[in-house]
Amino acid sequence: MSISINTSIVPYKIDLMDKRPVQLDIEIINRSDTQKRVVLELIASNQIGLNNDFTAKEKIETKLLKAGENEKITRDIVPKKYAVKGEEIIAIIATEITVENSGYSYPSKKFRKTITIPLK
């Protein structure tokens, strides 16, 4: 495995009475011997948004990660006004881009991860 994606949500659930956002932390670690760049695509289900504008999709490109280097990305997850109790999903699709010493880069692998957030 050449990259590792770790996630955490604080607090663990969204309280629909308060309508306060939860914080999603995504840590990307380059575990290979070569430098990599990662393009993340975050896709939220229909009752939550990725920021106060309730964006459902977001594309994030990391800096050039050297071997063993990591980068942390933080987003606020906000419930929409009509959200009801249940569980919502955020999909993370990470495309690993290998960067050669000559400057040539190409997508090499895709990783998928889903996160479940309870709405109470």
PDB file of N, CA and C in Angstrom:
ATOM      1  N   MET A   1       0.847  -1.175   0.000  1.00  0.00           N
ATOM      2  CA  MET A   1       0.000   0.000   0.000  1.00  0.00           C
ATOM      3  C   MET A   1       0.888   1.232   0.000  1.00  0.00           C
ATOM      4  N   SER A   2       0.641   2.104  -0.925  1.00  0.00           N
ATOM      5  CA  SER A   2       1.542   3.238  -1.064  1.00  0.00           C
ATOM      6  C   SER A   2       1.068   4.489  -0.347  1.00  0.00           C
ATOM      7  N   ILE A   3      -0.249   4.664  -0.175  1.00  0.00           N
ATOM      8  CA  ILE A   3      -0.731   5.773   0.646  1.00  0.00           C
ATOM      9  C   ILE A   3      -1.702   5.230   1.677  1.00  0.00           C
ATOM     10  N   SER A   4      -1.813   5.959   2.759  1.00  0.00           N
ATOM     11  CA  SER A   4      -2.727   5.581   3.832  1.00  0.00           C
ATOM     12  C   SER A   4      -3.632   6.780   4.117  1.00  0.00           C
ATOM     13  N   ILE A   5      -4.927   6.503   4.310  1.00  0.00           N
ATOM     14  CA  ILE A   5      -5.894   7.558   4.599  1.00  0.00           C
ATOM     15  C   ILE A   5      -6.532   7.254   5.941  1.00  0.00           C
ATOM     16  N   ASN A   6      -6.301   8.119   6.921  1.00  0.00           N
ATOM     17  CA  ASN A   6      -6.892   7.987   8.247  1.00  0.00           C
ATOM     18  C   ASN A   6      -7.915   9.099   8.433  1.00  0.00           C
ATOM     19  N   THR A   7      -9.058   8.759   9.026  1.00  0.00           N
ATOM     20  CA  THR A   7     -10.106   9.757   9.249  1.00  0.00           C
ATOM     21  C   THR A   7     -10.562   9.727  10.697  1.00  0.00           C
ATOM     22  N   SER A   8     -11.019  10.879  11.170  1.00  0.00           N
ATOM     23  CA  SER A   8     -11.650  10.958  12.483  1.00  0.00           C
ATOM     24  C   SER A   8     -12.709  12.055  12.441  1.00  0.00           C
ATOM     25  N   ILE A   9     -13.765  11.850  13.246  1.00  0.00           N
ATOM     26  CA  ILE A   9     -14.865  12.802  13.317  1.00  0.00           C
ATOM     27  C   ILE A   9     -15.034  13.211  14.771  1.00  0.00           C
ATOM     28  N   VAL A  10     -15.060  14.537  15.022  1.00  0.00           N
ATOM     29  CA  VAL A  10     -15.221  15.054  16.387  1.00  0.00           C
ATOM     30  C   VAL A  10     -16.335  16.076  16.382  1.00  0.00           C
ATOM     31  N   PRO A  11     -17.381  15.960  17.166  1.00  0.00           N
ATOM     32  CA  PRO A  11     -17.810  14.773  17.904  1.00  0.00           C
ATOM     33  C   PRO A  11     -18.304  13.699  16.941  1.00  0.00           C
ATOM     34  N   TYR A  12     -18.543  12.515  17.461  1.00  0.00           N
ATOM     35  CA  TYR A  12     -18.844  11.354  16.643  1.00  0.00           C
ATOM     36  C   TYR A  12     -20.169  11.469  15.880  1.00  0.00           C
ATOM     37  N   LYS A  13     -21.142  12.213  16.402  1.00  0.00           N
ATOM     38  CA  LYS A  13     -22.448  12.297  15.757  1.00  0.00           C
ATOM     39  C   LYS A  13     -22.883  13.750  15.598  1.00  0.00           C
ATOM     40  N   ILE A  14     -23.852  13.978  14.713  1.00  0.00           N
ATOM     41  CA  ILE A  14     -24.431  15.302  14.506  1.00  0.00           C
ATOM     42  C   ILE A  14     -25.706  15.379  15.334  1.00  0.00           C
ATOM     43  N   ASP A  15     -25.788  16.380  16.198  1.00  0.00           N
ATOM     44  CA  ASP A  15     -26.987  16.605  17.000  1.00  0.00           C
ATOM     45  C   ASP A  15     -27.922  17.516  16.200  1.00  0.00           C
ATOM     46  N   LEU A  16     -29.059  16.986  15.786  1.00  0.00           N
ATOM     47  CA  LEU A  16     -29.978  17.755  14.937  1.00  0.00           C
ATOM     48  C   LEU A  16     -30.668  18.884  15.681  1.00  0.00           C
ATOM     49  N   MET A  17     -30.717  18.825  17.011  1.00  0.00           N
ATOM     50  CA  MET A  17     -31.315  19.914  17.783  1.00  0.00           C
ATOM     51  C   MET A  17     -30.415  21.150  17.775  1.00  0.00           C
ATOM     52  N   ASP A  18     -29.110  20.951  17.876  1.00  0.00           N
ATOM     53  CA  ASP A  18     -28.155  22.067  17.893  1.00  0.00           C
ATOM     54  C   ASP A  18     -27.788  22.548  16.496  1.00  0.00           C
ATOM     55  N   LYS A  19     -27.801  21.636  15.518  1.00  0.00           N
ATOM     56  CA  LYS A  19     -27.414  21.946  14.134  1.00  0.00           C
ATOM     57  C   LYS A  19     -25.976  22.446  14.037  1.00  0.00           C
ATOM     58  N   ARG A  20     -25.145  22.037  14.991  1.00  0.00           N
ATOM     59  CA  ARG A  20     -23.735  22.423  14.941  1.00  0.00           C
ATOM     60  C   ARG A  20     -22.956  21.459  14.046  1.00  0.00           C
ATOM     61  N   PRO A  21     -21.943  21.963  13.355  1.00  0.00           N
ATOM     62  CA  PRO A  21     -21.161  21.072  12.488  1.00  0.00           C
ATOM     63  C   PRO A  21     -20.239  20.168  13.300  1.00  0.00           C
ATOM     64  N   VAL A  22     -19.855  19.058  12.688  1.00  0.00           N
ATOM     65  CA  VAL A  22     -18.821  18.194  13.242  1.00  0.00           C
ATOM     66  C   VAL A  22     -17.578  18.381  12.388  1.00  0.00           C
ATOM     67  N   GLN A  23     -16.433  18.093  12.964  1.00  0.00           N
ATOM     68  CA  GLN A  23     -15.168  18.294  12.265  1.00  0.00           C
ATOM     69  C   GLN A  23     -14.670  16.964  11.728  1.00  0.00           C
ATOM     70  N   LEU A  24     -14.434  16.905  10.424  1.00  0.00           N
ATOM     71  CA  LEU A  24     -13.871  15.734   9.768  1.00  0.00           C
ATOM     72  C   LEU A  24     -12.397  15.998   9.504  1.00  0.00           C
ATOM     73  N   ASP A  25     -11.529  15.164  10.081  1.00  0.00           N
ATOM     74  CA  ASP A  25     -10.087  15.257   9.865  1.00  0.00           C
ATOM     75  C   ASP A  25      -9.658  14.106   8.969  1.00  0.00           C
ATOM     76  N   ILE A  26      -8.950  14.430   7.903  1.00  0.00           N
ATOM     77  CA  ILE A  26      -8.435  13.426   6.973  1.00  0.00           C
ATOM     78  C   ILE A  26      -6.918  13.565   6.959  1.00  0.00           C
ATOM     79  N   GLU A  27      -6.229  12.477   7.267  1.00  0.00           N
ATOM     80  CA  GLU A  27      -4.762  12.479   7.240  1.00  0.00           C
ATOM     81  C   GLU A  27      -4.305  11.544   6.136  1.00  0.00           C
ATOM     82  N   ILE A  28      -3.474  12.065   5.236  1.00  0.00           N
ATOM     83  CA  ILE A  28      -2.949  11.297   4.111  1.00  0.00           C
ATOM     84  C   ILE A  28      -1.460  11.086   4.359  1.00  0.00           C
ATOM     85  N   ILE A  29      -1.029   9.834   4.344  1.00  0.00           N
ATOM     86  CA  ILE A  29       0.366   9.495   4.606  1.00  0.00           C
ATOM     87  C   ILE A  29       0.931   8.783   3.380  1.00  0.00           C
ATOM     88  N   ASN A  30       2.085   9.245   2.900  1.00  0.00           N
ATOM     89  CA  ASN A  30       2.775   8.600   1.784  1.00  0.00           C
ATOM     90  C   ASN A  30       3.662   7.497   2.358  1.00  0.00           C
ATOM     91  N   ARG A  31       3.314   6.250   2.115  1.00  0.00           N
ATOM     92  CA  ARG A  31       4.054   5.110   2.655  1.00  0.00           C
ATOM     93  C   ARG A  31       5.015   4.493   1.629  1.00  0.00           C
ATOM     94  N   SER A  32       5.129   5.074   0.458  1.00  0.00           N
ATOM     95  CA  SER A  32       6.029   4.514  -0.559  1.00  0.00           C
ATOM     96  C   SER A  32       7.390   5.201  -0.517  1.00  0.00           C
ATOM     97  N   ASP A  33       8.289   4.705  -1.348  1.00  0.00           N
ATOM     98  CA  ASP A  33       9.637   5.269  -1.415  1.00  0.00           C
ATOM     99  C   ASP A  33       9.743   6.432  -2.385  1.00  0.00           C
ATOM    100  N   THR A  34       8.720   6.642  -3.191  1.00  0.00           N
ATOM    101  CA  THR A  34       8.746   7.719  -4.175  1.00  0.00           C
ATOM    102  C   THR A  34       7.793   8.827  -3.755  1.00  0.00           C
ATOM    103  N   GLN A  35       7.973   9.999  -4.329  1.00  0.00           N
ATOM    104  CA  GLN A  35       7.094  11.122  -4.010  1.00  0.00           C
ATOM    105  C   GLN A  35       5.760  10.965  -4.730  1.00  0.00           C
ATOM    106  N   LYS A  36       4.705  11.384  -4.046  1.00  0.00           N
ATOM    107  CA  LYS A  36       3.350  11.233  -4.571  1.00  0.00           C
ATOM    108  C   LYS A  36       2.578  12.524  -4.362  1.00  0.00           C
ATOM    109  N   ARG A  37       1.553  12.687  -5.172  1.00  0.00           N
ATOM    110  CA  ARG A  37       0.552  13.734  -4.981  1.00  0.00           C
ATOM    111  C   ARG A  37      -0.786  12.999  -4.948  1.00  0.00           C
ATOM    112  N   VAL A  38      -1.695  13.468  -4.112  1.00  0.00           N
ATOM    113  CA  VAL A  38      -2.983  12.794  -3.969  1.00  0.00           C
ATOM    114  C   VAL A  38      -4.095  13.792  -4.273  1.00  0.00           C
ATOM    115  N   VAL A  39      -5.064  13.365  -5.077  1.00  0.00           N
ATOM    116  CA  VAL A  39      -6.251  14.156  -5.355  1.00  0.00           C
ATOM    117  C   VAL A  39      -7.412  13.466  -4.649  1.00  0.00           C
ATOM    118  N   LEU A  40      -8.025  14.181  -3.692  1.00  0.00           N
ATOM    119  CA  LEU A  40      -9.153  13.652  -2.937  1.00  0.00           C
ATOM    120  C   LEU A  40     -10.441  14.198  -3.511  1.00  0.00           C
ATOM    121  N   GLU A  41     -11.429  13.346  -3.607  1.00  0.00           N
ATOM    122  CA  GLU A  41     -12.772  13.780  -3.984  1.00  0.00           C
ATOM    123  C   GLU A  41     -13.693  13.377  -2.848  1.00  0.00           C
ATOM    124  N   LEU A  42     -14.302  14.363  -2.194  1.00  0.00           N
ATOM    125  CA  LEU A  42     -15.232  14.121  -1.098  1.00  0.00           C
ATOM    126  C   LEU A  42     -16.646  14.248  -1.642  1.00  0.00           C
ATOM    127  N   ILE A  43     -17.480  13.248  -1.375  1.00  0.00           N
ATOM    128  CA  ILE A  43     -18.865  13.254  -1.843  1.00  0.00           C
ATOM    129  C   ILE A  43     -19.766  12.981  -0.644  1.00  0.00           C
ATOM    130  N   ALA A  44     -20.609  13.952  -0.311  1.00  0.00           N
ATOM    131  CA  ALA A  44     -21.511  13.830   0.836  1.00  0.00           C
ATOM    132  C   ALA A  44     -22.890  13.392   0.372  1.00  0.00           C
ATOM    133  N   SER A  45     -23.588  12.660   1.230  1.00  0.00           N
ATOM    134  CA  SER A  45     -24.957  12.252   0.896  1.00  0.00           C
ATOM    135  C   SER A  45     -25.890  13.456   1.009  1.00  0.00           C
ATOM    136  N   ASN A  46     -27.166  13.274   0.740  1.00  0.00           N
ATOM    137  CA  ASN A  46     -28.047  14.417   0.498  1.00  0.00           C
ATOM    138  C   ASN A  46     -28.523  15.167   1.742  1.00  0.00           C
ATOM    139  N   GLN A  47     -28.302  14.694   2.970  1.00  0.00           N
ATOM    140  CA  GLN A  47     -28.770  15.412   4.156  1.00  0.00           C
ATOM    141  C   GLN A  47     -27.668  16.190   4.869  1.00  0.00           C
ATOM    142  N   ILE A  48     -26.443  16.122   4.358  1.00  0.00           N
ATOM    143  CA  ILE A  48     -25.329  16.846   4.970  1.00  0.00           C
ATOM    144  C   ILE A  48     -24.549  17.589   3.898  1.00  0.00           C
ATOM    145  N   GLY A  49     -23.798  18.607   4.331  1.00  0.00           N
ATOM    146  CA  GLY A  49     -22.962  19.381   3.427  1.00  0.00           C
ATOM    147  C   GLY A  49     -21.535  19.417   3.929  1.00  0.00           C
ATOM    148  N   LEU A  50     -20.602  19.717   3.038  1.00  0.00           N
ATOM    149  CA  LEU A  50     -19.179  19.729   3.387  1.00  0.00           C
ATOM    150  C   LEU A  50     -18.710  21.073   3.928  1.00  0.00           C
ATOM    151  N   ASN A  51     -19.585  22.065   3.973  1.00  0.00           N
ATOM    152  CA  ASN A  51     -19.265  23.364   4.560  1.00  0.00           C
ATOM    153  C   ASN A  51     -20.576  24.112   4.795  1.00  0.00           C
ATOM    154  N   ASN A  52     -20.512  25.369   5.194  1.00  0.00           N
ATOM    155  CA  ASN A  52     -21.726  26.135   5.474  1.00  0.00           C
ATOM    156  C   ASN A  52     -22.550  26.440   4.229  1.00  0.00           C
ATOM    157  N   ASP A  53     -21.972  26.273   3.048  1.00  0.00           N
ATOM    158  CA  ASP A  53     -22.717  26.450   1.796  1.00  0.00           C
ATOM    159  C   ASP A  53     -23.411  25.156   1.371  1.00  0.00           C
ATOM    160  N   PHE A  54     -23.282  24.094   2.165  1.00  0.00           N
ATOM    161  CA  PHE A  54     -23.887  22.783   1.922  1.00  0.00           C
ATOM    162  C   PHE A  54     -23.414  22.164   0.613  1.00  0.00           C
ATOM    163  N   THR A  55     -22.158  22.340   0.291  1.00  0.00           N
ATOM    164  CA  THR A  55     -21.574  21.737  -0.895  1.00  0.00           C
ATOM    165  C   THR A  55     -21.583  20.218  -0.755  1.00  0.00           C
ATOM    166  N   ALA A  56     -22.000  19.512  -1.811  1.00  0.00           N
ATOM    167  CA  ALA A  56     -22.080  18.052  -1.752  1.00  0.00           C
ATOM    168  C   ALA A  56     -20.807  17.378  -2.264  1.00  0.00           C
ATOM    169  N   LYS A  57     -20.049  18.059  -3.133  1.00  0.00           N
ATOM    170  CA  LYS A  57     -18.815  17.491  -3.685  1.00  0.00           C
ATOM    171  C   LYS A  57     -17.692  18.501  -3.553  1.00  0.00           C
ATOM    172  N   GLU A  58     -16.498  17.975  -3.324  1.00  0.00           N
ATOM    173  CA  GLU A  58     -15.331  18.839  -3.256  1.00  0.00           C
ATOM    174  C   GLU A  58     -14.110  18.054  -3.712  1.00  0.00           C
ATOM    175  N   LYS A  59     -13.261  18.713  -4.470  1.00  0.00           N
ATOM    176  CA  LYS A  59     -12.027  18.102  -4.954  1.00  0.00           C
ATOM    177  C   LYS A  59     -10.858  18.840  -4.318  1.00  0.00           C
ATOM    178  N   ILE A  60      -9.939  18.090  -3.698  1.00  0.00           N
ATOM    179  CA  ILE A  60      -8.805  18.667  -2.990  1.00  0.00           C
ATOM    180  C   ILE A  60      -7.529  18.012  -3.505  1.00  0.00           C
ATOM    181  N   GLU A  61      -6.543  18.819  -3.849  1.00  0.00           N
ATOM    182  CA  GLU A  61      -5.259  18.285  -4.284  1.00  0.00           C
ATOM    183  C   GLU A  61      -4.216  18.597  -3.219  1.00  0.00           C
ATOM    184  N   THR A  62      -3.472  17.584  -2.815  1.00  0.00           N
ATOM    185  CA  THR A  62      -2.445  17.775  -1.791  1.00  0.00           C
ATOM    186  C   THR A  62      -1.165  18.318  -2.413  1.00  0.00           C
ATOM    187  N   LYS A  63      -0.291  18.747  -1.532  1.00  0.00           N
ATOM    188  CA  LYS A  63       1.034  19.148  -1.999  1.00  0.00           C
ATOM    189  C   LYS A  63       1.807  17.886  -2.360  1.00  0.00           C
ATOM    190  N   LEU A  64       2.987  18.044  -2.890  1.00  0.00           N
ATOM    191  CA  LEU A  64       3.837  16.913  -3.239  1.00  0.00           C
ATOM    192  C   LEU A  64       4.348  16.279  -1.950  1.00  0.00           C
ATOM    193  N   LEU A  65       3.965  15.028  -1.702  1.00  0.00           N
ATOM    194  CA  LEU A  65       4.344  14.332  -0.471  1.00  0.00           C
ATOM    195  C   LEU A  65       5.567  13.465  -0.728  1.00  0.00           C
ATOM    196  N   LYS A  66       6.625  13.712   0.023  1.00  0.00           N
ATOM    197  CA  LYS A  66       7.825  12.882  -0.071  1.00  0.00           C
ATOM    198  C   LYS A  66       7.592  11.592   0.695  1.00  0.00           C
ATOM    199  N   ALA A  67       8.509  10.663   0.615  1.00  0.00           N
ATOM    200  CA  ALA A  67       8.376   9.375   1.290  1.00  0.00           C
ATOM    201  C   ALA A  67       8.230   9.583   2.799  1.00  0.00           C
ATOM    202  N   GLY A  68       7.174   9.016   3.388  1.00  0.00           N
ATOM    203  CA  GLY A  68       6.931   9.125   4.820  1.00  0.00           C
ATOM    204  C   GLY A  68       6.266  10.413   5.269  1.00  0.00           C
ATOM    205  N   GLU A  69       6.047  11.346   4.370  1.00  0.00           N
ATOM    206  CA  GLU A  69       5.448  12.634   4.730  1.00  0.00           C
ATOM    207  C   GLU A  69       3.921  12.511   4.774  1.00  0.00           C
ATOM    208  N   ASN A  70       3.279  13.367   5.573  1.00  0.00           N
ATOM    209  CA  ASN A  70       1.822  13.337   5.656  1.00  0.00           C
ATOM    210  C   ASN A  70       1.246  14.742   5.543  1.00  0.00           C
ATOM    211  N   GLU A  71      -0.062  14.791   5.256  1.00  0.00           N
ATOM    212  CA  GLU A  71      -0.785  16.055   5.175  1.00  0.00           C
ATOM    213  C   GLU A  71      -2.147  15.852   5.818  1.00  0.00           C
ATOM    214  N   LYS A  72      -2.591  16.870   6.557  1.00  0.00           N
ATOM    215  CA  LYS A  72      -3.869  16.789   7.248  1.00  0.00           C
ATOM    216  C   LYS A  72      -4.831  17.808   6.641  1.00  0.00           C
ATOM    217  N   ILE A  73      -6.062  17.365   6.377  1.00  0.00           N
ATOM    218  CA  ILE A  73      -7.109  18.202   5.801  1.00  0.00           C
ATOM    219  C   ILE A  73      -8.293  18.177   6.758  1.00  0.00           C
ATOM    220  N   THR A  74      -8.867  19.349   7.026  1.00  0.00           N
ATOM    221  CA  THR A  74      -9.997  19.448   7.945  1.00  0.00           C
ATOM    222  C   THR A  74     -11.178  20.090   7.240  1.00  0.00           C
ATOM    223  N   ARG A  75     -12.352  19.499   7.405  1.00  0.00           N
ATOM    224  CA  ARG A  75     -13.587  20.040   6.847  1.00  0.00           C
ATOM    225  C   ARG A  75     -14.678  19.984   7.906  1.00  0.00           C
ATOM    226  N   ASP A  76     -15.603  20.953   7.858  1.00  0.00           N
ATOM    227  CA  ASP A  76     -16.775  20.945   8.729  1.00  0.00           C
ATOM    228  C   ASP A  76     -17.919  20.272   7.988  1.00  0.00           C
ATOM    229  N   ILE A  77     -18.574  19.331   8.662  1.00  0.00           N
ATOM    230  CA  ILE A  77     -19.727  18.649   8.099  1.00  0.00           C
ATOM    231  C   ILE A  77     -20.967  19.239   8.761  1.00  0.00           C
ATOM    232  N   VAL A  78     -21.865  19.799   7.954  1.00  0.00           N
ATOM    233  CA  VAL A  78     -23.015  20.553   8.449  1.00  0.00           C
ATOM    234  C   VAL A  78     -24.304  19.841   8.037  1.00  0.00           C
ATOM    235  N   PRO A  79     -25.264  19.677   8.965  1.00  0.00           N
ATOM    236  CA  PRO A  79     -26.546  19.082   8.568  1.00  0.00           C
ATOM    237  C   PRO A  79     -27.401  20.110   7.829  1.00  0.00           C
ATOM    238  N   LYS A  80     -28.169  19.651   6.863  1.00  0.00           N
ATOM    239  CA  LYS A  80     -29.083  20.539   6.156  1.00  0.00           C
ATOM    240  C   LYS A  80     -30.325  20.763   7.009  1.00  0.00           C
ATOM    241  N   LYS A  81     -31.104  21.762   6.668  1.00  0.00           N
ATOM    242  CA  LYS A  81     -32.261  22.145   7.485  1.00  0.00           C
ATOM    243  C   LYS A  81     -33.312  21.052   7.567  1.00  0.00           C
ATOM    244  N   TYR A  82     -33.462  20.271   6.531  1.00  0.00           N
ATOM    245  CA  TYR A  82     -34.485  19.234   6.510  1.00  0.00           C
ATOM    246  C   TYR A  82     -33.958  17.855   6.927  1.00  0.00           C
ATOM    247  N   ALA A  83     -32.763  17.783   7.502  1.00  0.00           N
ATOM    248  CA  ALA A  83     -32.156  16.500   7.876  1.00  0.00           C
ATOM    249  C   ALA A  83     -32.987  15.796   8.947  1.00  0.00           C
ATOM    250  N   VAL A  84     -33.092  14.481   8.825  1.00  0.00           N
ATOM    251  CA  VAL A  84     -33.817  13.663   9.789  1.00  0.00           C
ATOM    252  C   VAL A  84     -32.854  12.644  10.396  1.00  0.00           C
ATOM    253  N   LYS A  85     -33.265  12.034  11.499  1.00  0.00           N
ATOM    254  CA  LYS A  85     -32.428  11.067  12.191  1.00  0.00           C
ATOM    255  C   LYS A  85     -32.103   9.884  11.290  1.00  0.00           C
ATOM    256  N   GLY A  86     -30.908   9.370  11.469  1.00  0.00           N
ATOM    257  CA  GLY A  86     -30.454   8.230  10.675  1.00  0.00           C
ATOM    258  C   GLY A  86     -28.945   8.269  10.542  1.00  0.00           C
ATOM    259  N   GLU A  87     -28.445   7.677   9.484  1.00  0.00           N
ATOM    260  CA  GLU A  87     -27.007   7.671   9.204  1.00  0.00           C
ATOM    261  C   GLU A  87     -26.767   8.217   7.802  1.00  0.00           C
ATOM    262  N   GLU A  88     -25.755   9.034   7.686  1.00  0.00           N
ATOM    263  CA  GLU A  88     -25.377   9.605   6.402  1.00  0.00           C
ATOM    264  C   GLU A  88     -23.948   9.181   6.076  1.00  0.00           C
ATOM    265  N   ILE A  89     -23.639   9.153   4.785  1.00  0.00           N
ATOM    266  CA  ILE A  89     -22.351   8.639   4.325  1.00  0.00           C
ATOM    267  C   ILE A  89     -21.580   9.730   3.596  1.00  0.00           C
ATOM    268  N   ILE A  90     -20.271   9.748   3.843  1.00  0.00           N
ATOM    269  CA  ILE A  90     -19.348  10.569   3.063  1.00  0.00           C
ATOM    270  C   ILE A  90     -18.381   9.611   2.382  1.00  0.00           C
ATOM    271  N   ALA A  91     -18.272   9.717   1.072  1.00  0.00           N
ATOM    272  CA  ALA A  91     -17.349   8.883   0.307  1.00  0.00           C
ATOM    273  C   ALA A  91     -16.075   9.674   0.037  1.00  0.00           C
ATOM    274  N   ILE A  92     -14.946   9.018   0.231  1.00  0.00           N
ATOM    275  CA  ILE A  92     -13.649   9.614  -0.073  1.00  0.00           C
ATOM    276  C   ILE A  92     -13.021   8.779  -1.179  1.00  0.00           C
ATOM    277  N   ILE A  93     -12.747   9.422  -2.308  1.00  0.00           N
ATOM    278  CA  ILE A  93     -12.068   8.757  -3.413  1.00  0.00           C
ATOM    279  C   ILE A  93     -10.720   9.442  -3.568  1.00  0.00           C
ATOM    280  N   ALA A  94      -9.659   8.696  -3.334  1.00  0.00           N
ATOM    281  CA  ALA A  94      -8.304   9.244  -3.409  1.00  0.00           C
ATOM    282  C   ALA A  94      -7.609   8.678  -4.640  1.00  0.00           C
ATOM    283  N   THR A  95      -7.132   9.553  -5.500  1.00  0.00           N
ATOM    284  CA  THR A  95      -6.367   9.149  -6.671  1.00  0.00           C
ATOM    285  C   THR A  95      -4.908   9.473  -6.413  1.00  0.00           C
ATOM    286  N   GLU A  96      -4.095   8.437  -6.436  1.00  0.00           N
ATOM    287  CA  GLU A  96      -2.658   8.603  -6.204  1.00  0.00           C
ATOM    288  C   GLU A  96      -1.996   8.985  -7.516  1.00  0.00           C
ATOM    289  N   ILE A  97      -1.217  10.054  -7.489  1.00  0.00           N
ATOM    290  CA  ILE A  97      -0.520  10.521  -8.683  1.00  0.00           C
ATOM    291  C   ILE A  97       0.976  10.402  -8.427  1.00  0.00           C
ATOM    292  N   THR A  98       1.623   9.560  -9.196  1.00  0.00           N
ATOM    293  CA  THR A  98       3.062   9.353  -9.064  1.00  0.00           C
ATOM    294  C   THR A  98       3.787  10.433  -9.853  1.00  0.00           C
ATOM    295  N   VAL A  99       4.778  11.047  -9.211  1.00  0.00           N
ATOM    296  CA  VAL A  99       5.564  12.110  -9.842  1.00  0.00           C
ATOM    297  C   VAL A  99       6.989  11.600 -10.005  1.00  0.00           C
ATOM    298  N   GLU A 100       7.406  11.473 -11.246  1.00  0.00           N
ATOM    299  CA  GLU A 100       8.768  11.004 -11.536  1.00  0.00           C
ATOM    300  C   GLU A 100       9.772  12.132 -11.314  1.00  0.00           C
ATOM    301  N   ASN A 101      11.047  11.789 -11.216  1.00  0.00           N
ATOM    302  CA  ASN A 101      12.104  12.790 -11.029  1.00  0.00           C
ATOM    303  C   ASN A 101      12.203  13.733 -12.217  1.00  0.00           C
ATOM    304  N   SER A 102      11.796  13.281 -13.392  1.00  0.00           N
ATOM    305  CA  SER A 102      11.849  14.125 -14.584  1.00  0.00           C
ATOM    306  C   SER A 102      10.728  15.156 -14.614  1.00  0.00           C
ATOM    307  N   GLY A 103       9.764  15.040 -13.660  1.00  0.00           N
ATOM    308  CA  GLY A 103       8.650  15.976 -13.634  1.00  0.00           C
ATOM    309  C   GLY A 103       7.380  15.399 -14.226  1.00  0.00           C
ATOM    310  N   TYR A 104       7.483  14.254 -14.877  1.00  0.00           N
ATOM    311  CA  TYR A 104       6.318  13.603 -15.465  1.00  0.00           C
ATOM    312  C   TYR A 104       5.456  13.007 -14.356  1.00  0.00           C
ATOM    313  N   SER A 105       4.151  13.220 -14.413  1.00  0.00           N
ATOM    314  CA  SER A 105       3.255  12.662 -13.405  1.00  0.00           C
ATOM    315  C   SER A 105       2.103  11.930 -14.078  1.00  0.00           C
ATOM    316  N   TYR A 106       1.613  10.896 -13.405  1.00  0.00           N
ATOM    317  CA  TYR A 106       0.522  10.094 -13.950  1.00  0.00           C
ATOM    318  C   TYR A 106      -0.265   9.469 -12.803  1.00  0.00           C
ATOM    319  N   PRO A 107      -1.592   9.312 -12.969  1.00  0.00           N
ATOM    320  CA  PRO A 107      -2.385   8.646 -11.937  1.00  0.00           C
ATOM    321  C   PRO A 107      -2.043   7.163 -11.906  1.00  0.00           C
ATOM    322  N   SER A 108      -1.800   6.628 -10.716  1.00  0.00           N
ATOM    323  CA  SER A 108      -1.397   5.229 -10.645  1.00  0.00           C
ATOM    324  C   SER A 108      -2.396   4.332  -9.918  1.00  0.00           C
ATOM    325  N   LYS A 109      -3.038   4.817  -8.852  1.00  0.00           N
ATOM    326  CA  LYS A 109      -3.986   3.980  -8.111  1.00  0.00           C
ATOM    327  C   LYS A 109      -5.134   4.827  -7.593  1.00  0.00           C
ATOM    328  N   LYS A 110      -6.269   4.146  -7.347  1.00  0.00           N
ATOM    329  CA  LYS A 110      -7.419   4.802  -6.731  1.00  0.00           C
ATOM    330  C   LYS A 110      -7.791   4.035  -5.483  1.00  0.00           C
ATOM    331  N   PHE A 111      -8.118   4.786  -4.436  1.00  0.00           N
ATOM    332  CA  PHE A 111      -8.558   4.200  -3.184  1.00  0.00           C
ATOM    333  C   PHE A 111      -9.927   4.779  -2.851  1.00  0.00           C
ATOM    334  N   ARG A 112     -10.797   3.963  -2.277  1.00  0.00           N
ATOM    335  CA  ARG A 112     -12.127   4.416  -1.863  1.00  0.00           C
ATOM    336  C   ARG A 112     -12.316   4.110  -0.382  1.00  0.00           C
ATOM    337  N   LYS A 113     -12.938   5.056   0.307  1.00  0.00           N
ATOM    338  CA  LYS A 113     -13.237   4.879   1.726  1.00  0.00           C
ATOM    339  C   LYS A 113     -14.567   5.564   2.005  1.00  0.00           C
ATOM    340  N   THR A 114     -15.403   4.945   2.819  1.00  0.00           N
ATOM    341  CA  THR A 114     -16.667   5.562   3.200  1.00  0.00           C
ATOM    342  C   THR A 114     -16.691   5.783   4.710  1.00  0.00           C
ATOM    343  N   ILE A 115     -17.304   6.880   5.091  1.00  0.00           N
ATOM    344  CA  ILE A 115     -17.433   7.250   6.503  1.00  0.00           C
ATOM    345  C   ILE A 115     -18.930   7.379   6.794  1.00  0.00           C
ATOM    346  N   THR A 116     -19.366   6.794   7.890  1.00  0.00           N
ATOM    347  CA  THR A 116     -20.762   6.874   8.295  1.00  0.00           C
ATOM    348  C   THR A 116     -20.878   7.830   9.478  1.00  0.00           C
ATOM    349  N   ILE A 117     -21.780   8.809   9.366  1.00  0.00           N
ATOM    350  CA  ILE A 117     -22.003   9.785  10.431  1.00  0.00           C
ATOM    351  C   ILE A 117     -23.439   9.634  10.919  1.00  0.00           C
ATOM    352  N   PRO A 118     -23.633   9.315  12.213  1.00  0.00           N
ATOM    353  CA  PRO A 118     -24.999   9.235  12.730  1.00  0.00           C
ATOM    354  C   PRO A 118     -25.604  10.621  12.955  1.00  0.00           C
ATOM    355  N   LEU A 119     -26.874  10.781  12.629  1.00  0.00           N
ATOM    356  CA  LEU A 119     -27.616  11.998  12.912  1.00  0.00           C
ATOM    357  C   LEU A 119     -28.631  11.643  14.003  1.00  0.00           C
ATOM    358  N   LYS A 120     -28.527  12.315  15.138  1.00  0.00           N
ATOM    359  CA  LYS A 120     -29.416  12.015  16.284  1.00  0.00           C
ATOM    360  C   LYS A 120     -30.254  13.216  16.635  1.00  0.00           C
TER     361      LYS A 120
END
